N, C-alpha and C. Protein backbone atom coordinates (compact mmCIF):
# COMPACT_ATOMS: atom_id res chain seq x y z
N MET A 1 141.48 131.10 144.04
CA MET A 1 141.79 132.00 144.05
C MET A 1 141.02 133.47 143.23
N PRO A 2 140.31 134.06 143.94
CA PRO A 2 139.60 135.02 143.00
C PRO A 2 140.10 135.71 142.03
N ASN A 3 139.56 135.69 140.75
CA ASN A 3 140.07 136.58 139.78
C ASN A 3 140.91 137.90 140.07
N THR A 4 140.42 138.65 141.17
CA THR A 4 141.07 140.07 141.30
C THR A 4 142.12 139.78 141.72
N THR A 5 142.49 138.42 142.48
CA THR A 5 143.73 138.48 143.26
C THR A 5 144.95 137.77 142.45
N VAL A 6 144.51 136.86 141.24
CA VAL A 6 145.59 136.40 140.14
C VAL A 6 146.76 137.73 140.48
N PRO A 7 147.92 136.92 140.25
CA PRO A 7 148.96 137.50 140.48
C PRO A 7 149.21 137.87 138.72
N GLN A 8 149.46 139.19 138.29
CA GLN A 8 149.64 139.72 136.90
C GLN A 8 150.54 138.56 135.96
N GLU A 9 151.28 138.47 136.49
CA GLU A 9 152.49 137.49 135.53
C GLU A 9 151.91 135.85 135.57
N ILE A 10 150.98 135.66 136.37
CA ILE A 10 150.08 134.41 136.20
C ILE A 10 149.10 134.79 135.38
N GLY A 11 148.30 135.79 135.49
CA GLY A 11 147.30 135.80 134.64
C GLY A 11 147.74 135.85 133.04
N TRP A 12 148.66 136.89 133.08
CA TRP A 12 149.07 137.05 131.31
C TRP A 12 149.82 135.68 130.87
N TYR A 13 150.57 134.69 131.74
CA TYR A 13 151.06 133.45 131.05
C TYR A 13 150.03 132.46 130.89
N LEU A 14 149.06 132.38 131.90
CA LEU A 14 147.89 131.75 131.19
C LEU A 14 147.12 132.17 129.87
N SER A 15 146.90 133.42 130.05
CA SER A 15 146.37 133.78 128.83
C SER A 15 146.94 133.38 127.38
N GLY A 16 148.28 133.69 127.59
CA GLY A 16 149.32 133.41 126.49
C GLY A 16 149.45 132.31 126.09
N TYR A 17 149.24 131.46 127.19
CA TYR A 17 149.13 129.79 126.96
C TYR A 17 148.13 129.38 126.26
N THR A 18 146.83 130.08 126.92
CA THR A 18 145.52 129.73 125.99
C THR A 18 145.40 130.11 124.49
N ASP A 19 145.92 131.47 124.41
CA ASP A 19 146.26 131.57 123.10
C ASP A 19 146.76 130.43 121.84
N GLY A 20 147.74 129.50 122.52
CA GLY A 20 148.68 128.74 121.90
C GLY A 20 147.70 127.41 122.03
N GLU A 21 147.25 127.07 122.98
CA GLU A 21 146.84 125.73 122.94
C GLU A 21 145.44 125.78 123.96
N GLY A 22 144.63 126.65 123.90
CA GLY A 22 143.57 126.43 124.40
C GLY A 22 142.18 126.37 123.46
N SER A 23 141.14 126.18 123.88
CA SER A 23 140.07 126.27 123.22
C SER A 23 138.72 126.46 123.75
N PHE A 24 138.04 127.43 123.07
CA PHE A 24 136.58 127.86 123.66
C PHE A 24 135.53 127.27 122.67
N CYS A 25 135.23 126.36 123.33
CA CYS A 25 134.14 125.51 122.25
C CYS A 25 132.47 125.15 122.67
N VAL A 26 131.82 125.21 121.68
CA VAL A 26 130.52 124.94 122.45
C VAL A 26 129.70 123.89 121.15
N SER A 27 129.39 122.72 121.59
CA SER A 27 129.07 121.75 120.96
C SER A 27 127.49 121.54 121.13
N PHE A 28 126.81 120.98 120.12
CA PHE A 28 125.55 120.65 119.80
C PHE A 28 125.16 118.78 119.62
N SER A 29 124.48 118.79 120.69
CA SER A 29 124.05 117.23 120.53
C SER A 29 122.61 116.91 120.36
N PRO A 30 122.15 116.06 119.10
CA PRO A 30 120.71 116.27 118.83
C PRO A 30 120.56 115.24 120.19
N ARG A 31 119.36 115.30 120.90
CA ARG A 31 118.51 114.38 122.03
C ARG A 31 116.79 114.68 122.08
N ARG A 32 116.70 113.53 121.50
CA ARG A 32 115.27 113.46 121.26
C ARG A 32 114.29 113.52 122.33
N LYS A 33 114.96 113.40 123.54
CA LYS A 33 114.13 113.56 125.12
C LYS A 33 113.86 114.98 125.81
N LEU A 34 114.75 115.90 124.90
CA LEU A 34 114.74 117.20 125.11
C LEU A 34 113.68 117.65 124.34
N ARG A 35 112.66 118.64 125.09
CA ARG A 35 111.75 119.04 124.11
C ARG A 35 112.27 119.90 122.83
N ILE A 36 113.18 120.71 123.28
CA ILE A 36 113.82 121.57 121.96
C ILE A 36 114.40 120.82 120.72
N GLY A 37 115.01 119.82 121.53
CA GLY A 37 115.86 118.74 120.25
C GLY A 37 117.06 118.65 120.48
N LEU A 38 117.71 119.46 121.01
CA LEU A 38 119.70 119.78 120.94
C LEU A 38 119.93 120.39 122.51
N GLU A 39 121.10 119.81 122.72
CA GLU A 39 121.65 119.85 124.38
C GLU A 39 122.95 120.93 123.47
N VAL A 40 122.98 121.88 124.40
CA VAL A 40 124.04 122.93 124.10
C VAL A 40 125.19 122.64 125.11
N ARG A 41 126.71 122.57 124.56
CA ARG A 41 127.24 122.10 125.70
C ARG A 41 129.03 123.05 125.51
N PRO A 42 128.48 124.27 126.41
CA PRO A 42 129.96 125.03 126.25
C PRO A 42 130.78 124.51 126.81
N SER A 43 132.38 124.55 126.33
CA SER A 43 133.28 124.34 127.49
C SER A 43 134.62 124.97 127.09
N PHE A 44 135.80 125.21 127.98
CA PHE A 44 136.94 125.70 128.21
C PHE A 44 137.82 124.64 128.35
N SER A 45 138.94 124.68 127.07
CA SER A 45 140.06 123.30 127.65
C SER A 45 141.29 123.74 127.21
N VAL A 46 142.28 123.13 128.05
CA VAL A 46 143.69 123.53 127.53
C VAL A 46 144.24 121.94 127.49
N SER A 47 145.60 121.84 126.52
CA SER A 47 146.05 120.48 126.52
C SER A 47 147.18 120.81 126.73
N GLN A 48 148.23 119.62 127.04
CA GLN A 48 149.48 119.67 127.38
C GLN A 48 150.09 117.98 127.74
N ASN A 49 151.40 117.99 126.91
CA ASN A 49 151.76 116.57 126.99
C ASN A 49 152.15 116.48 128.92
N SER A 50 152.15 115.03 129.01
CA SER A 50 151.84 114.83 130.27
C SER A 50 152.99 115.07 131.19
N ASP A 51 154.15 115.14 130.38
CA ASP A 51 155.76 115.50 131.30
C ASP A 51 155.65 116.85 131.66
N ARG A 52 154.88 117.79 130.64
CA ARG A 52 154.76 119.09 131.34
C ARG A 52 153.25 119.96 131.66
N SER A 53 152.64 118.97 132.39
CA SER A 53 151.40 118.57 132.84
C SER A 53 151.35 119.95 133.95
N GLU A 54 151.70 120.51 134.33
CA GLU A 54 152.24 121.47 135.75
C GLU A 54 151.31 122.70 135.05
N VAL A 55 151.37 122.96 134.23
CA VAL A 55 150.65 124.36 133.71
C VAL A 55 149.00 124.04 133.79
N LEU A 56 148.57 122.23 133.50
CA LEU A 56 147.14 122.84 133.63
C LEU A 56 146.75 122.37 135.32
N LYS A 57 147.60 122.00 136.01
CA LYS A 57 147.58 122.43 137.59
C LYS A 57 147.53 123.75 137.92
N LEU A 58 148.42 124.63 137.08
CA LEU A 58 148.14 126.13 137.81
C LEU A 58 147.12 126.38 136.99
N PHE A 59 146.22 126.15 135.57
CA PHE A 59 145.31 126.80 135.43
C PHE A 59 144.05 126.09 136.51
N GLN A 60 143.82 125.00 137.06
CA GLN A 60 142.93 124.48 138.20
C GLN A 60 143.09 125.48 139.21
N GLN A 61 144.29 125.60 139.60
CA GLN A 61 144.51 126.28 140.95
C GLN A 61 143.90 127.81 140.90
N THR A 62 144.55 128.39 139.89
CA THR A 62 144.03 129.98 139.51
C THR A 62 142.79 130.07 139.45
N LEU A 63 141.88 129.28 138.36
CA LEU A 63 140.48 129.11 138.51
C LEU A 63 139.34 128.82 139.39
N ASP A 64 140.36 127.95 140.09
CA ASP A 64 139.51 127.30 141.34
C ASP A 64 138.26 126.36 140.79
N CYS A 65 138.66 125.48 139.94
CA CYS A 65 137.34 124.72 139.05
C CYS A 65 137.97 123.95 138.00
N GLY A 66 137.63 123.10 137.22
CA GLY A 66 137.76 122.33 136.25
C GLY A 66 138.40 121.04 136.70
N THR A 67 138.34 120.24 135.43
CA THR A 67 139.04 118.66 135.43
C THR A 67 140.48 118.70 134.99
N ILE A 68 141.43 117.42 135.48
CA ILE A 68 142.13 117.23 134.55
C ILE A 68 141.99 115.87 133.96
N ARG A 69 142.30 115.43 132.98
CA ARG A 69 142.02 114.01 132.28
C ARG A 69 142.75 114.03 131.41
N PRO A 70 143.20 112.53 130.88
CA PRO A 70 143.84 112.10 129.77
C PRO A 70 143.19 112.32 128.63
N ASP A 71 144.05 112.78 127.73
CA ASP A 71 142.80 112.66 126.02
C ASP A 71 143.39 111.66 125.38
N ARG A 72 142.77 110.45 125.16
CA ARG A 72 143.17 109.54 124.52
C ARG A 72 143.68 110.00 123.14
N SER A 73 142.65 110.77 122.65
CA SER A 73 142.64 110.99 121.30
C SER A 73 144.22 111.46 120.60
N ASP A 74 144.66 112.25 120.96
CA ASP A 74 146.30 112.56 121.01
C ASP A 74 146.98 112.51 122.10
N LYS A 75 147.01 111.26 123.43
CA LYS A 75 147.67 111.08 124.39
C LYS A 75 148.43 112.15 125.09
N THR A 76 147.61 113.48 125.07
CA THR A 76 147.74 114.42 125.82
C THR A 76 147.14 114.41 127.46
N PHE A 77 147.03 115.33 128.33
CA PHE A 77 146.52 115.46 129.05
C PHE A 77 145.77 116.98 129.03
N LYS A 78 144.11 116.75 129.56
CA LYS A 78 143.27 117.89 128.94
C LYS A 78 142.89 118.99 130.75
N PHE A 79 143.02 119.65 130.76
CA PHE A 79 142.03 120.56 131.68
C PHE A 79 140.83 121.29 130.85
N GLU A 80 139.65 120.99 131.64
CA GLU A 80 138.47 121.40 131.08
C GLU A 80 137.61 121.75 132.06
N ILE A 81 137.13 122.80 131.41
CA ILE A 81 135.71 123.54 132.52
C ILE A 81 134.66 123.41 131.37
N ARG A 82 133.41 122.72 132.15
CA ARG A 82 132.19 122.38 131.22
C ARG A 82 130.96 123.28 131.72
N GLY A 83 130.79 123.29 133.58
CA GLY A 83 129.90 124.13 134.31
C GLY A 83 129.86 125.42 133.70
N LEU A 84 128.20 125.76 133.44
CA LEU A 84 128.32 127.00 132.85
C LEU A 84 128.45 128.13 134.30
N ASN A 85 128.07 127.83 135.39
CA ASN A 85 128.45 128.76 136.48
C ASN A 85 129.85 129.19 136.46
N ASP A 86 130.73 127.91 136.36
CA ASP A 86 132.13 128.28 136.44
C ASP A 86 132.63 129.07 135.38
N LEU A 87 132.14 128.65 133.97
CA LEU A 87 132.10 129.53 132.99
C LEU A 87 132.19 131.10 133.08
N ILE A 88 130.79 131.09 133.89
CA ILE A 88 130.48 132.63 133.67
C ILE A 88 131.28 133.26 134.80
N GLU A 89 131.22 132.67 135.67
CA GLU A 89 131.87 133.11 137.14
C GLU A 89 133.39 133.43 137.51
N LYS A 90 134.17 132.33 136.75
CA LYS A 90 135.45 132.27 136.18
C LYS A 90 136.29 132.71 135.09
N VAL A 91 135.87 131.88 134.44
CA VAL A 91 136.41 131.93 133.13
C VAL A 91 136.56 132.96 132.30
N ILE A 92 134.96 133.34 132.01
CA ILE A 92 134.91 135.11 131.77
C ILE A 92 135.42 136.01 132.31
N PRO A 93 135.39 136.16 133.17
CA PRO A 93 135.99 137.26 133.91
C PRO A 93 137.58 137.22 133.90
N PHE A 94 138.24 136.00 134.15
CA PHE A 94 139.35 136.11 133.96
C PHE A 94 140.08 136.71 132.42
N PHE A 95 139.70 135.83 131.49
CA PHE A 95 139.65 136.54 130.42
C PHE A 95 139.38 137.98 129.71
N LYS A 96 138.40 138.45 130.35
CA LYS A 96 137.92 139.71 130.39
C LYS A 96 139.38 140.40 131.22
N ARG A 97 139.79 140.15 132.16
CA ARG A 97 140.67 140.74 132.82
C ARG A 97 142.16 140.73 132.12
N PHE A 98 142.44 139.38 131.80
CA PHE A 98 143.44 139.03 130.80
C PHE A 98 143.21 138.55 129.38
N PRO A 99 143.22 139.30 128.63
CA PRO A 99 142.31 139.46 127.00
C PRO A 99 143.66 138.44 126.53
N LEU A 100 142.77 137.51 125.51
CA LEU A 100 144.21 137.03 124.26
C LEU A 100 144.50 138.11 123.68
N LYS A 101 145.55 137.62 122.96
CA LYS A 101 146.18 138.93 121.86
C LYS A 101 145.99 138.29 120.36
N SER A 102 145.56 136.87 120.35
CA SER A 102 145.28 136.54 118.77
C SER A 102 144.12 136.71 118.53
N SER A 103 143.81 136.16 117.46
CA SER A 103 142.42 136.17 116.55
C SER A 103 141.38 135.26 117.47
N LYS A 104 141.86 134.21 118.55
CA LYS A 104 141.34 133.60 119.13
C LYS A 104 140.48 134.56 120.43
N ASN A 105 140.91 135.49 120.26
CA ASN A 105 139.91 136.50 121.49
C ASN A 105 138.36 136.59 120.96
N ARG A 106 138.17 136.49 119.26
CA ARG A 106 137.16 136.77 118.95
C ARG A 106 136.17 135.65 119.09
N ASP A 107 136.82 134.12 118.89
CA ASP A 107 136.38 133.09 119.67
C ASP A 107 135.67 133.30 120.80
N PHE A 108 136.76 133.83 122.02
CA PHE A 108 136.12 134.07 123.40
C PHE A 108 134.95 134.88 123.34
N GLU A 109 134.87 135.94 122.50
CA GLU A 109 133.99 137.16 123.12
C GLU A 109 132.35 136.06 122.59
N LEU A 110 132.73 135.57 121.42
CA LEU A 110 131.42 134.75 120.85
C LEU A 110 130.94 133.51 122.08
N PHE A 111 132.30 133.05 122.40
CA PHE A 111 131.73 131.95 123.58
C PHE A 111 130.96 132.47 124.96
N ALA A 112 131.57 133.81 125.34
CA ALA A 112 131.03 134.45 126.61
C ALA A 112 129.74 135.02 126.32
N GLN A 113 129.20 135.64 124.73
CA GLN A 113 128.00 135.70 124.41
C GLN A 113 127.54 134.43 124.42
N VAL A 114 127.59 133.41 124.07
CA VAL A 114 126.41 131.84 124.37
C VAL A 114 126.43 131.65 125.38
N CYS A 115 127.18 131.73 126.52
CA CYS A 115 127.20 131.48 128.07
C CYS A 115 126.48 132.33 128.53
N LEU A 116 126.39 133.61 128.15
CA LEU A 116 125.68 134.84 128.97
C LEU A 116 124.18 134.37 128.33
N LEU A 117 124.02 133.76 127.41
CA LEU A 117 122.65 133.97 126.85
C LEU A 117 121.92 132.06 127.30
N MET A 118 123.03 131.41 127.51
CA MET A 118 122.37 130.43 128.01
C MET A 118 122.14 131.11 129.53
N ASN A 119 122.60 131.31 130.22
CA ASN A 119 122.48 131.78 131.67
C ASN A 119 121.02 132.68 131.76
N LYS A 120 120.60 132.74 130.78
CA LYS A 120 119.07 133.60 130.86
C LYS A 120 118.30 132.25 130.14
N GLY A 121 118.78 131.28 129.79
CA GLY A 121 117.69 130.25 129.35
C GLY A 121 117.49 130.18 127.97
N GLU A 122 118.09 130.49 127.22
CA GLU A 122 117.70 130.96 125.64
C GLU A 122 117.83 129.39 125.05
N GLN A 123 118.49 128.64 125.32
CA GLN A 123 118.86 127.07 124.67
C GLN A 123 117.55 126.46 125.04
N ARG A 124 116.34 127.00 125.55
CA ARG A 124 115.21 126.42 125.87
C ARG A 124 114.17 126.82 124.89
N LYS A 125 114.98 128.01 124.21
CA LYS A 125 113.71 128.43 123.49
C LYS A 125 114.10 128.00 122.00
N SER A 126 113.19 127.93 120.65
CA SER A 126 113.81 127.42 119.57
C SER A 126 114.27 128.43 119.00
N SER A 127 113.76 130.32 119.08
CA SER A 127 114.38 131.38 118.80
C SER A 127 115.83 131.45 119.44
N GLY A 128 115.98 131.07 120.71
CA GLY A 128 117.32 131.48 121.60
C GLY A 128 118.15 130.57 120.76
N LEU A 129 117.73 129.22 120.70
CA LEU A 129 118.89 127.97 120.36
C LEU A 129 119.50 128.71 118.48
N ARG A 130 118.38 129.01 118.26
CA ARG A 130 118.55 129.26 116.84
C ARG A 130 119.97 130.42 117.00
N ARG A 131 120.00 131.50 117.60
CA ARG A 131 120.85 132.35 117.94
C ARG A 131 121.77 131.74 118.60
N LEU A 132 121.89 131.01 119.80
CA LEU A 132 123.37 130.38 120.09
C LEU A 132 124.04 129.20 119.05
N ILE A 133 123.25 128.74 118.08
CA ILE A 133 123.91 128.14 116.37
C ILE A 133 124.56 129.16 115.82
N ARG A 134 123.91 130.39 115.81
CA ARG A 134 124.44 131.12 114.78
C ARG A 134 125.74 131.93 115.24
N LEU A 135 125.96 132.31 116.52
CA LEU A 135 127.27 132.64 117.10
C LEU A 135 128.04 131.48 116.72
N ALA A 136 127.63 130.49 117.61
CA ALA A 136 128.63 129.32 117.83
C ALA A 136 128.92 128.98 116.22
N VAL A 137 128.61 128.80 115.44
CA VAL A 137 129.42 128.50 114.31
C VAL A 137 130.36 129.54 113.38
N GLN A 138 130.48 130.80 114.16
CA GLN A 138 131.53 131.68 113.63
C GLN A 138 132.77 131.42 114.14
N MET A 139 132.61 130.54 115.51
CA MET A 139 133.90 130.22 116.12
C MET A 139 134.58 129.09 115.71
N ASN A 140 135.83 128.97 115.89
CA ASN A 140 136.51 127.99 115.43
C ASN A 140 136.49 127.60 114.02
N THR A 141 136.44 128.41 113.11
CA THR A 141 135.99 128.14 111.71
C THR A 141 137.43 127.25 110.86
N SER A 142 138.58 127.59 111.46
CA SER A 142 139.50 126.35 110.84
C SER A 142 139.05 124.96 111.66
N GLY A 143 138.41 124.81 112.27
CA GLY A 143 138.39 123.39 113.11
C GLY A 143 137.15 122.47 112.37
N LYS A 144 137.03 121.29 112.73
CA LYS A 144 135.82 120.54 111.87
C LYS A 144 134.82 120.58 112.53
N ARG A 145 133.84 120.58 112.21
CA ARG A 145 132.35 120.48 112.77
C ARG A 145 131.56 119.20 112.46
N LYS A 146 130.91 118.68 113.24
CA LYS A 146 129.89 117.46 113.40
C LYS A 146 128.83 117.67 112.39
N TYR A 147 128.17 118.68 113.13
CA TYR A 147 127.00 119.33 112.08
C TYR A 147 127.16 120.83 111.64
N GLN A 148 126.75 121.00 110.70
CA GLN A 148 126.66 122.36 110.08
C GLN A 148 125.39 123.34 110.81
N ALA A 149 125.25 124.64 110.55
CA ALA A 149 124.31 125.05 111.16
C ALA A 149 122.89 124.57 110.24
N GLN A 150 122.76 124.26 109.34
CA GLN A 150 121.40 123.90 109.03
C GLN A 150 121.35 122.36 109.11
N GLU A 151 122.10 121.68 109.63
CA GLU A 151 121.77 120.57 109.75
C GLU A 151 121.27 120.80 111.65
N LEU A 152 121.77 121.64 111.99
CA LEU A 152 121.53 121.49 113.89
C LEU A 152 119.89 122.35 113.49
N PHE A 153 119.60 123.29 112.55
CA PHE A 153 118.38 123.71 112.91
C PHE A 153 117.27 122.50 112.47
N ASN A 154 117.76 121.95 111.54
CA ASN A 154 116.74 120.69 111.17
C ASN A 154 116.37 119.82 112.63
N PHE A 155 117.22 119.36 113.15
CA PHE A 155 116.98 119.08 114.59
C PHE A 155 115.97 119.31 115.48
N LEU A 156 115.57 121.02 115.58
CA LEU A 156 115.24 121.54 116.32
C LEU A 156 113.46 121.04 116.09
N GLN A 157 112.96 121.03 117.33
CA GLN A 157 111.53 120.65 117.71
C GLN A 157 110.74 121.70 117.54
C-alpha cells in the first residue's frame, strides 16, 4: 500500500505503537575485509508478544516490506526492515507523514539523516563514516552500545 493511501487511523495507530515499542537503530560492525573497516547497518524494528503479533503483520502489510521473526532474546516476535531502499522509500516517508509524538522522533530524524547519507555513499568514505558515527551515537542514548564512538573511529582504515 503506497504511503499516500494509508488510512489516517492506521497510520496514526502504527506511529503511536512505534513510539512505545519501536526502534530506529544504526549498528556498526568491524569488517577487516571492507576497505573502510566498518559495516553500517540501519534498521527499523517493532516487537510484540506472539499472542498479539497481528500488529506486526499490519506493519508488514502497510509498509509493504520487512520480515517477521522470533526474537529469542526476549521470546517475542520482531518485525524488522533492514534494506536501505525500503527504509528510504517506505519507512522514512511513512514517519514523515505520521510523525512520532515522543522524544523518539529525534532518533527517527537522526536515523533518516544516516539513511539518506548512506544512499549517497557516505559510508564508503572515512569522512562520511565519521559523520554517520557522530549522528548514530546521538540516537537511543538510554540503550547499550557495543562500541563507543572513539572505538568505532579506531576501526577506520
